[in-house]
N, C-alpha and C. Protein backbone atom coordinates (compact mmCIF):
# COMPACT_ATOMS: atom_id res chain seq x y z
N MET A 1 -13.40 8.78 -2.61
CA MET A 1 -12.39 7.86 -3.04
C MET A 1 -11.04 8.54 -2.95
N LEU A 2 -10.04 7.78 -2.79
CA LEU A 2 -8.72 8.38 -2.66
C LEU A 2 -8.20 8.86 -3.99
N SER A 3 -8.49 8.17 -5.03
CA SER A 3 -8.14 8.65 -6.36
C SER A 3 -8.93 7.89 -7.39
N LEU A 4 -9.10 8.51 -8.49
CA LEU A 4 -9.66 7.83 -9.66
C LEU A 4 -8.55 7.86 -10.68
N SER A 5 -7.93 6.72 -10.87
CA SER A 5 -6.84 6.68 -11.84
C SER A 5 -7.37 6.90 -13.24
N ARG A 6 -6.49 7.21 -14.14
CA ARG A 6 -6.86 7.38 -15.54
C ARG A 6 -7.59 6.13 -16.02
N HIS A 7 -7.13 4.96 -15.57
CA HIS A 7 -7.75 3.71 -15.99
C HIS A 7 -9.14 3.53 -15.39
N ALA A 8 -9.38 4.12 -14.21
CA ALA A 8 -10.69 4.00 -13.59
C ALA A 8 -11.72 4.85 -14.32
N LEU A 9 -11.26 5.82 -15.06
CA LEU A 9 -12.18 6.76 -15.68
C LEU A 9 -12.48 6.44 -17.13
N ARG A 10 -11.55 5.81 -17.81
CA ARG A 10 -11.77 5.51 -19.23
C ARG A 10 -10.83 4.38 -19.64
N GLY A 11 -11.01 3.89 -20.82
CA GLY A 11 -10.10 2.88 -21.33
C GLY A 11 -10.54 1.47 -21.01
N PRO A 12 -9.75 0.49 -21.48
CA PRO A 12 -10.12 -0.91 -21.30
C PRO A 12 -10.15 -1.30 -19.83
N ARG A 13 -11.04 -2.20 -19.50
CA ARG A 13 -11.22 -2.65 -18.12
C ARG A 13 -10.65 -4.04 -17.94
N ARG A 14 -9.95 -4.25 -16.87
CA ARG A 14 -9.48 -5.58 -16.51
C ARG A 14 -10.50 -6.26 -15.61
N TYR A 15 -11.36 -5.50 -14.98
CA TYR A 15 -12.33 -6.00 -14.03
C TYR A 15 -13.48 -6.67 -14.75
N ILE A 16 -13.87 -7.84 -14.30
CA ILE A 16 -14.89 -8.63 -14.98
C ILE A 16 -16.27 -8.48 -14.33
N GLY A 17 -16.32 -8.19 -13.04
CA GLY A 17 -17.59 -8.13 -12.32
C GLY A 17 -18.43 -6.93 -12.72
N SER A 18 -19.55 -6.75 -11.99
CA SER A 18 -20.43 -5.64 -12.32
C SER A 18 -19.78 -4.32 -11.90
N MET A 19 -19.89 -3.35 -12.74
CA MET A 19 -19.31 -2.05 -12.50
C MET A 19 -20.37 -1.00 -12.84
N LYS A 20 -20.44 0.04 -12.05
CA LYS A 20 -21.36 1.13 -12.35
C LYS A 20 -20.67 2.07 -13.32
N THR A 21 -21.27 2.27 -14.49
CA THR A 21 -20.74 3.21 -15.48
C THR A 21 -21.66 4.41 -15.54
N PHE A 22 -21.09 5.58 -15.34
CA PHE A 22 -21.83 6.83 -15.46
C PHE A 22 -21.53 7.46 -16.81
N HIS A 23 -22.53 8.05 -17.44
CA HIS A 23 -22.37 8.69 -18.74
C HIS A 23 -22.26 10.20 -18.62
N SER A 24 -22.50 10.74 -17.44
CA SER A 24 -22.40 12.19 -17.22
C SER A 24 -22.31 12.45 -15.72
N TYR A 25 -21.91 13.68 -15.38
CA TYR A 25 -21.86 14.06 -13.98
C TYR A 25 -23.26 14.15 -13.39
N SER A 26 -24.26 14.49 -14.19
CA SER A 26 -25.62 14.53 -13.66
C SER A 26 -26.08 13.13 -13.24
N GLU A 27 -25.64 12.09 -13.97
CA GLU A 27 -25.95 10.72 -13.57
C GLU A 27 -25.28 10.38 -12.25
N VAL A 28 -24.04 10.85 -12.06
CA VAL A 28 -23.35 10.63 -10.80
C VAL A 28 -24.14 11.30 -9.68
N SER A 29 -24.47 12.57 -9.84
CA SER A 29 -25.17 13.33 -8.80
C SER A 29 -26.52 12.74 -8.45
N ALA A 30 -27.16 12.09 -9.41
CA ALA A 30 -28.46 11.47 -9.15
C ALA A 30 -28.35 10.29 -8.18
N CYS A 31 -27.14 9.82 -7.93
CA CYS A 31 -26.94 8.67 -7.04
C CYS A 31 -26.56 9.06 -5.62
N VAL A 32 -26.59 10.35 -5.30
CA VAL A 32 -26.27 10.77 -3.93
C VAL A 32 -27.20 10.04 -2.96
N GLY A 33 -26.60 9.50 -1.91
CA GLY A 33 -27.36 8.77 -0.90
C GLY A 33 -27.49 7.29 -1.19
N GLN A 34 -26.94 6.84 -2.30
CA GLN A 34 -27.09 5.44 -2.70
C GLN A 34 -25.76 4.69 -2.63
N GLU A 35 -25.87 3.37 -2.41
CA GLU A 35 -24.71 2.50 -2.57
C GLU A 35 -24.53 2.31 -4.07
N VAL A 36 -23.39 2.74 -4.59
CA VAL A 36 -23.13 2.72 -6.03
C VAL A 36 -22.52 1.39 -6.45
N ALA A 37 -21.67 0.82 -5.60
CA ALA A 37 -20.98 -0.42 -6.00
C ALA A 37 -20.55 -1.21 -4.78
N VAL A 38 -20.46 -2.52 -4.99
CA VAL A 38 -19.81 -3.44 -4.06
C VAL A 38 -18.78 -4.17 -4.91
N THR A 39 -17.53 -4.10 -4.52
CA THR A 39 -16.45 -4.64 -5.36
C THR A 39 -16.29 -6.15 -5.16
N ASP A 40 -15.49 -6.73 -6.03
CA ASP A 40 -15.07 -8.11 -5.84
C ASP A 40 -14.09 -8.18 -4.67
N TRP A 41 -13.90 -9.39 -4.18
CA TRP A 41 -12.94 -9.63 -3.09
C TRP A 41 -11.51 -9.61 -3.63
N ILE A 42 -10.60 -9.09 -2.80
CA ILE A 42 -9.16 -9.19 -3.08
C ILE A 42 -8.49 -9.79 -1.85
N THR A 43 -7.44 -10.56 -2.06
CA THR A 43 -6.75 -11.25 -0.97
C THR A 43 -5.50 -10.48 -0.56
N ILE A 44 -5.33 -10.33 0.74
CA ILE A 44 -4.15 -9.66 1.29
C ILE A 44 -3.08 -10.71 1.55
N THR A 45 -1.91 -10.52 0.94
CA THR A 45 -0.82 -11.49 1.08
C THR A 45 0.29 -10.95 1.98
N GLN A 46 1.10 -11.87 2.49
CA GLN A 46 2.26 -11.44 3.29
C GLN A 46 3.23 -10.65 2.42
N GLU A 47 3.34 -11.01 1.16
CA GLU A 47 4.22 -10.26 0.26
C GLU A 47 3.78 -8.79 0.15
N GLN A 48 2.46 -8.55 0.02
CA GLN A 48 1.97 -7.17 -0.02
C GLN A 48 2.33 -6.43 1.26
N VAL A 49 2.13 -7.08 2.39
CA VAL A 49 2.43 -6.47 3.68
C VAL A 49 3.91 -6.14 3.77
N ASN A 50 4.77 -7.07 3.36
CA ASN A 50 6.21 -6.84 3.42
C ASN A 50 6.64 -5.70 2.50
N LEU A 51 6.07 -5.66 1.30
CA LEU A 51 6.40 -4.57 0.37
C LEU A 51 5.92 -3.23 0.90
N PHE A 52 4.75 -3.21 1.53
CA PHE A 52 4.25 -1.97 2.12
C PHE A 52 5.17 -1.52 3.26
N ALA A 53 5.62 -2.47 4.07
CA ALA A 53 6.55 -2.15 5.15
C ALA A 53 7.84 -1.56 4.59
N GLN A 54 8.32 -2.15 3.51
CA GLN A 54 9.55 -1.65 2.89
C GLN A 54 9.34 -0.24 2.35
N ALA A 55 8.20 0.01 1.72
CA ALA A 55 7.93 1.33 1.13
C ALA A 55 7.76 2.41 2.19
N THR A 56 7.19 2.05 3.34
CA THR A 56 6.86 3.06 4.35
C THR A 56 7.83 3.11 5.52
N GLY A 57 8.65 2.06 5.68
CA GLY A 57 9.54 2.00 6.82
C GLY A 57 8.87 1.50 8.09
N ASP A 58 7.62 1.05 8.00
CA ASP A 58 6.90 0.53 9.15
C ASP A 58 7.08 -0.98 9.21
N HIS A 59 8.10 -1.42 9.96
CA HIS A 59 8.46 -2.84 10.04
C HIS A 59 8.03 -3.47 11.36
N GLN A 60 6.96 -2.96 11.96
CA GLN A 60 6.49 -3.50 13.23
C GLN A 60 6.24 -5.01 13.09
N TRP A 61 6.64 -5.76 14.09
CA TRP A 61 6.59 -7.22 14.04
C TRP A 61 5.19 -7.76 13.81
N ILE A 62 4.15 -7.09 14.25
CA ILE A 62 2.79 -7.62 14.03
C ILE A 62 2.44 -7.69 12.55
N HIS A 63 3.24 -7.01 11.72
CA HIS A 63 3.02 -7.04 10.28
C HIS A 63 3.99 -7.98 9.56
N VAL A 64 5.26 -7.94 9.93
CA VAL A 64 6.30 -8.56 9.09
C VAL A 64 6.98 -9.78 9.69
N ASP A 65 6.64 -10.16 10.91
CA ASP A 65 7.25 -11.34 11.53
C ASP A 65 6.15 -12.36 11.82
N PRO A 66 5.82 -13.21 10.84
CA PRO A 66 4.70 -14.14 11.00
C PRO A 66 4.81 -15.04 12.24
N GLU A 67 6.00 -15.53 12.55
CA GLU A 67 6.16 -16.42 13.70
C GLU A 67 5.84 -15.68 15.00
N ARG A 68 6.43 -14.53 15.18
CA ARG A 68 6.17 -13.74 16.39
C ARG A 68 4.72 -13.28 16.43
N ALA A 69 4.17 -12.90 15.28
CA ALA A 69 2.79 -12.40 15.22
C ALA A 69 1.79 -13.49 15.60
N ARG A 70 2.09 -14.75 15.30
CA ARG A 70 1.18 -15.85 15.68
C ARG A 70 1.01 -15.91 17.20
N ALA A 71 2.04 -15.51 17.93
CA ALA A 71 1.97 -15.51 19.39
C ALA A 71 1.49 -14.17 19.94
N GLY A 72 1.21 -13.22 19.06
CA GLY A 72 0.80 -11.88 19.47
C GLY A 72 -0.69 -11.74 19.67
N PRO A 73 -1.15 -10.53 19.84
CA PRO A 73 -2.55 -10.28 20.21
C PRO A 73 -3.57 -10.65 19.13
N PHE A 74 -3.15 -10.76 17.88
CA PHE A 74 -4.10 -11.06 16.80
C PHE A 74 -4.00 -12.49 16.30
N GLY A 75 -3.01 -13.26 16.79
CA GLY A 75 -2.86 -14.65 16.43
C GLY A 75 -2.32 -14.90 15.03
N ALA A 76 -1.94 -13.84 14.35
CA ALA A 76 -1.41 -13.93 12.98
C ALA A 76 -0.86 -12.56 12.61
N PRO A 77 -0.03 -12.50 11.57
CA PRO A 77 0.39 -11.17 11.10
C PRO A 77 -0.82 -10.45 10.51
N ILE A 78 -0.84 -9.13 10.68
CA ILE A 78 -1.94 -8.33 10.15
C ILE A 78 -1.40 -7.26 9.20
N ALA A 79 -2.27 -6.85 8.28
CA ALA A 79 -1.92 -5.77 7.35
C ALA A 79 -1.88 -4.45 8.10
N HIS A 80 -1.04 -3.55 7.64
CA HIS A 80 -1.02 -2.19 8.15
C HIS A 80 -2.38 -1.54 7.86
N GLY A 81 -2.85 -0.71 8.77
CA GLY A 81 -4.08 0.02 8.50
C GLY A 81 -3.96 0.86 7.24
N PHE A 82 -2.81 1.50 7.08
CA PHE A 82 -2.64 2.35 5.89
C PHE A 82 -2.52 1.54 4.61
N LEU A 83 -2.12 0.27 4.70
CA LEU A 83 -2.17 -0.59 3.52
C LEU A 83 -3.62 -0.81 3.12
N THR A 84 -4.46 -1.11 4.08
CA THR A 84 -5.89 -1.27 3.80
C THR A 84 -6.44 0.00 3.18
N LEU A 85 -6.11 1.14 3.74
CA LEU A 85 -6.58 2.42 3.21
C LEU A 85 -6.08 2.65 1.78
N SER A 86 -4.84 2.24 1.52
CA SER A 86 -4.26 2.47 0.19
C SER A 86 -4.91 1.62 -0.89
N LEU A 87 -5.73 0.65 -0.53
CA LEU A 87 -6.45 -0.17 -1.51
C LEU A 87 -7.69 0.53 -2.05
N ILE A 88 -8.09 1.63 -1.45
CA ILE A 88 -9.32 2.30 -1.88
C ILE A 88 -9.30 2.66 -3.36
N PRO A 89 -8.22 3.19 -3.93
CA PRO A 89 -8.24 3.46 -5.37
C PRO A 89 -8.50 2.20 -6.20
N ARG A 90 -7.95 1.08 -5.76
CA ARG A 90 -8.19 -0.19 -6.45
C ARG A 90 -9.68 -0.56 -6.40
N PHE A 91 -10.30 -0.36 -5.26
CA PHE A 91 -11.72 -0.65 -5.14
C PHE A 91 -12.53 0.26 -6.07
N PHE A 92 -12.16 1.52 -6.15
CA PHE A 92 -12.88 2.42 -7.06
C PHE A 92 -12.67 2.02 -8.51
N GLU A 93 -11.48 1.57 -8.83
CA GLU A 93 -11.22 1.12 -10.21
C GLU A 93 -12.11 -0.07 -10.55
N GLN A 94 -12.35 -0.94 -9.60
CA GLN A 94 -13.23 -2.09 -9.81
C GLN A 94 -14.70 -1.70 -9.86
N GLY A 95 -15.07 -0.69 -9.09
CA GLY A 95 -16.48 -0.43 -8.86
C GLY A 95 -17.18 0.57 -9.73
N LEU A 96 -16.45 1.54 -10.30
CA LEU A 96 -17.15 2.55 -11.07
C LEU A 96 -16.28 3.17 -12.14
N ARG A 97 -16.97 3.79 -13.08
CA ARG A 97 -16.31 4.43 -14.22
C ARG A 97 -17.15 5.63 -14.63
N ILE A 98 -16.49 6.73 -14.98
CA ILE A 98 -17.18 7.91 -15.49
C ILE A 98 -16.71 8.12 -16.92
N GLU A 99 -17.60 7.85 -17.87
CA GLU A 99 -17.24 7.98 -19.28
C GLU A 99 -16.90 9.43 -19.61
N GLY A 100 -15.88 9.61 -20.40
CA GLY A 100 -15.49 10.93 -20.87
C GLY A 100 -14.61 11.71 -19.93
N ALA A 101 -14.47 11.26 -18.69
CA ALA A 101 -13.61 11.99 -17.75
C ALA A 101 -12.16 11.81 -18.21
N ARG A 102 -11.45 12.91 -18.24
CA ARG A 102 -10.06 12.84 -18.71
C ARG A 102 -9.08 12.68 -17.56
N MET A 103 -9.54 12.95 -16.32
CA MET A 103 -8.62 12.90 -15.19
C MET A 103 -9.41 12.85 -13.89
N GLY A 104 -8.86 12.16 -12.92
CA GLY A 104 -9.41 12.16 -11.57
C GLY A 104 -8.29 12.33 -10.57
N VAL A 105 -8.59 13.01 -9.47
CA VAL A 105 -7.58 13.24 -8.44
C VAL A 105 -8.14 12.95 -7.06
N ASN A 106 -7.26 12.53 -6.19
CA ASN A 106 -7.56 12.38 -4.78
C ASN A 106 -7.59 13.77 -4.18
N TYR A 107 -8.68 14.11 -3.51
CA TYR A 107 -8.78 15.42 -2.88
C TYR A 107 -8.59 15.33 -1.36
N GLY A 108 -8.61 14.12 -0.83
CA GLY A 108 -8.34 13.96 0.59
C GLY A 108 -9.36 13.11 1.30
N LEU A 109 -9.27 13.15 2.62
CA LEU A 109 -10.14 12.36 3.48
C LEU A 109 -10.68 13.26 4.58
N ASN A 110 -11.93 13.06 4.93
CA ASN A 110 -12.50 13.78 6.07
C ASN A 110 -12.37 12.99 7.35
N ARG A 111 -12.47 11.66 7.24
CA ARG A 111 -12.43 10.81 8.43
C ARG A 111 -12.06 9.40 8.01
N VAL A 112 -11.22 8.77 8.81
CA VAL A 112 -10.83 7.38 8.58
C VAL A 112 -10.78 6.67 9.93
N ARG A 113 -11.31 5.46 9.95
CA ARG A 113 -11.20 4.62 11.15
C ARG A 113 -10.84 3.21 10.71
N PHE A 114 -9.90 2.61 11.46
CA PHE A 114 -9.53 1.21 11.25
C PHE A 114 -10.22 0.43 12.37
N THR A 115 -11.33 -0.20 12.06
CA THR A 115 -12.23 -0.73 13.08
C THR A 115 -12.00 -2.19 13.43
N ALA A 116 -11.18 -2.89 12.66
CA ALA A 116 -10.86 -4.29 12.96
C ALA A 116 -9.57 -4.66 12.24
N PRO A 117 -8.82 -5.64 12.79
CA PRO A 117 -7.58 -6.05 12.13
C PRO A 117 -7.85 -6.82 10.84
N VAL A 118 -6.83 -6.84 9.97
CA VAL A 118 -6.88 -7.58 8.70
C VAL A 118 -5.77 -8.62 8.72
N PRO A 119 -6.08 -9.85 9.17
CA PRO A 119 -5.05 -10.89 9.15
C PRO A 119 -4.60 -11.18 7.72
N VAL A 120 -3.30 -11.45 7.57
CA VAL A 120 -2.78 -11.84 6.26
C VAL A 120 -3.57 -13.05 5.78
N GLY A 121 -3.92 -13.05 4.50
CA GLY A 121 -4.75 -14.10 3.93
C GLY A 121 -6.21 -13.72 3.85
N SER A 122 -6.59 -12.62 4.49
CA SER A 122 -7.98 -12.15 4.46
C SER A 122 -8.37 -11.72 3.06
N ARG A 123 -9.66 -11.83 2.78
CA ARG A 123 -10.22 -11.30 1.54
C ARG A 123 -11.04 -10.07 1.91
N LEU A 124 -10.79 -8.98 1.18
CA LEU A 124 -11.45 -7.70 1.43
C LEU A 124 -12.26 -7.27 0.22
N ARG A 125 -13.32 -6.52 0.48
CA ARG A 125 -14.07 -5.83 -0.58
C ARG A 125 -14.55 -4.52 0.00
N ALA A 126 -15.05 -3.65 -0.89
CA ALA A 126 -15.53 -2.35 -0.43
C ALA A 126 -16.95 -2.10 -0.91
N ARG A 127 -17.68 -1.40 -0.08
CA ARG A 127 -18.99 -0.86 -0.42
C ARG A 127 -18.80 0.64 -0.60
N LEU A 128 -19.28 1.17 -1.72
CA LEU A 128 -19.06 2.56 -2.08
C LEU A 128 -20.40 3.29 -2.10
N VAL A 129 -20.57 4.21 -1.16
CA VAL A 129 -21.80 4.99 -1.05
C VAL A 129 -21.47 6.45 -1.36
N LEU A 130 -22.17 7.00 -2.34
CA LEU A 130 -21.97 8.40 -2.71
C LEU A 130 -22.74 9.28 -1.73
N GLN A 131 -22.02 10.13 -1.00
CA GLN A 131 -22.64 10.97 0.01
C GLN A 131 -23.01 12.36 -0.51
N ALA A 132 -22.18 12.92 -1.41
CA ALA A 132 -22.44 14.27 -1.89
C ALA A 132 -21.64 14.52 -3.17
N THR A 133 -22.12 15.47 -3.96
CA THR A 133 -21.37 15.95 -5.12
C THR A 133 -21.42 17.46 -5.13
N GLU A 134 -20.40 18.05 -5.76
CA GLU A 134 -20.33 19.51 -5.88
C GLU A 134 -19.61 19.85 -7.17
N PRO A 135 -20.25 20.63 -8.05
CA PRO A 135 -19.58 21.01 -9.30
C PRO A 135 -18.30 21.78 -9.02
N GLN A 136 -17.31 21.55 -9.89
CA GLN A 136 -16.03 22.25 -9.82
C GLN A 136 -15.78 22.90 -11.17
N ALA A 137 -15.72 24.22 -11.20
CA ALA A 137 -15.51 24.93 -12.47
C ALA A 137 -14.12 24.64 -13.00
N PRO A 138 -13.92 24.52 -14.31
CA PRO A 138 -14.96 24.73 -15.32
C PRO A 138 -15.69 23.46 -15.72
N ASP A 139 -15.09 22.27 -15.53
CA ASP A 139 -15.73 21.06 -16.06
C ASP A 139 -15.53 19.87 -15.13
N GLY A 140 -15.63 20.10 -13.82
CA GLY A 140 -15.34 19.03 -12.88
C GLY A 140 -16.46 18.76 -11.90
N LEU A 141 -16.24 17.71 -11.11
CA LEU A 141 -17.19 17.32 -10.08
C LEU A 141 -16.41 16.78 -8.89
N GLN A 142 -16.70 17.33 -7.70
CA GLN A 142 -16.14 16.77 -6.48
C GLN A 142 -17.16 15.80 -5.90
N MET A 143 -16.67 14.64 -5.46
CA MET A 143 -17.53 13.61 -4.90
C MET A 143 -17.05 13.24 -3.51
N THR A 144 -18.00 13.08 -2.61
CA THR A 144 -17.71 12.60 -1.26
C THR A 144 -18.29 11.20 -1.15
N TRP A 145 -17.43 10.26 -0.79
CA TRP A 145 -17.80 8.85 -0.74
C TRP A 145 -17.63 8.30 0.66
N LEU A 146 -18.56 7.46 1.09
CA LEU A 146 -18.37 6.65 2.27
C LEU A 146 -17.89 5.29 1.76
N VAL A 147 -16.67 4.93 2.15
CA VAL A 147 -16.06 3.67 1.72
C VAL A 147 -15.99 2.77 2.95
N THR A 148 -16.67 1.63 2.86
CA THR A 148 -16.66 0.66 3.94
C THR A 148 -15.96 -0.59 3.44
N VAL A 149 -14.79 -0.89 4.02
CA VAL A 149 -14.01 -2.06 3.62
C VAL A 149 -14.36 -3.20 4.56
N GLU A 150 -14.81 -4.31 3.96
CA GLU A 150 -15.24 -5.48 4.71
C GLU A 150 -14.24 -6.62 4.56
N ARG A 151 -14.13 -7.44 5.61
CA ARG A 151 -13.32 -8.66 5.55
C ARG A 151 -14.28 -9.83 5.47
N GLU A 152 -14.04 -10.71 4.51
CA GLU A 152 -14.89 -11.88 4.35
C GLU A 152 -14.93 -12.67 5.66
N GLY A 153 -16.13 -12.93 6.16
CA GLY A 153 -16.29 -13.66 7.40
C GLY A 153 -16.19 -12.80 8.65
N GLY A 154 -15.83 -11.52 8.49
CA GLY A 154 -15.71 -10.63 9.64
C GLY A 154 -17.07 -10.15 10.10
N ASP A 155 -17.16 -9.79 11.38
CA ASP A 155 -18.44 -9.33 11.91
C ASP A 155 -18.59 -7.82 11.89
N LYS A 156 -17.53 -7.11 11.51
CA LYS A 156 -17.63 -5.66 11.37
C LYS A 156 -16.62 -5.21 10.32
N PRO A 157 -16.79 -4.00 9.80
CA PRO A 157 -15.84 -3.50 8.78
C PRO A 157 -14.43 -3.41 9.35
N VAL A 158 -13.43 -3.44 8.44
CA VAL A 158 -12.04 -3.28 8.87
C VAL A 158 -11.57 -1.84 8.70
N CYS A 159 -12.25 -1.10 7.83
CA CYS A 159 -11.90 0.31 7.61
C CYS A 159 -13.15 1.03 7.11
N VAL A 160 -13.37 2.21 7.65
CA VAL A 160 -14.45 3.07 7.19
C VAL A 160 -13.82 4.43 6.94
N ALA A 161 -13.99 4.94 5.72
CA ALA A 161 -13.36 6.21 5.35
C ALA A 161 -14.33 7.09 4.57
N GLU A 162 -14.30 8.37 4.88
CA GLU A 162 -15.00 9.35 4.04
C GLU A 162 -13.94 9.96 3.14
N SER A 163 -14.09 9.70 1.86
CA SER A 163 -13.06 10.02 0.88
C SER A 163 -13.59 11.03 -0.12
N LEU A 164 -12.74 11.98 -0.50
CA LEU A 164 -13.12 13.00 -1.48
C LEU A 164 -12.27 12.85 -2.73
N SER A 165 -12.92 12.96 -3.87
CA SER A 165 -12.20 12.92 -5.13
C SER A 165 -12.80 13.94 -6.07
N ARG A 166 -12.01 14.29 -7.05
CA ARG A 166 -12.48 15.20 -8.11
C ARG A 166 -12.24 14.56 -9.45
N SER A 167 -13.19 14.73 -10.33
CA SER A 167 -13.12 14.24 -11.69
C SER A 167 -13.27 15.43 -12.62
N TYR A 168 -12.55 15.40 -13.74
CA TYR A 168 -12.60 16.52 -14.69
C TYR A 168 -12.82 16.03 -16.10
N GLY A 169 -13.67 16.73 -16.82
CA GLY A 169 -13.80 16.54 -18.25
C GLY A 169 -14.99 15.78 -18.75
N ALA A 170 -15.79 15.16 -17.92
CA ALA A 170 -16.97 14.42 -18.41
C ALA A 170 -18.11 15.40 -18.70
N ALA A 171 -19.12 14.90 -19.37
CA ALA A 171 -20.28 15.72 -19.69
C ALA A 171 -21.00 16.11 -18.39
N PRO A 172 -21.61 17.30 -18.38
CA PRO A 172 -22.32 17.77 -17.17
C PRO A 172 -23.47 16.92 -16.76
């Protein structure tokens, strides 16, 4: 995962759907090789795309000019690939929680592919598969996740990423 926010690790939840709650790092490690969560759908809006363009300086017309984009190769404006990637922390916040963890950090990515476009108005969700865990002294755990972002009605994923995160402070 790209990050586990403080809210993803403890505290009140805004998410209503099913969420995997771990009570210890040993419970997390027991799930290696398993799909841990499938998140709820979220909708990609033109406003999100425009704000992302403003934040990053990437104002390519296929993202921010709906009229021109309709005549372009995708038939509609599409989200930036990095916007899709930046939703991964949100998916983790929806999908899992580690009780007692005081902090989580993004440790990086091993591989990312943007395998299909995300037209504005698309609904996305993620499948979270735990690939590996590794203890981090003195009280942490590094996790390697396969994150597959799906578009509702799409025939293939829109993003596949191997994401690394670290969590600190939960029970062993």
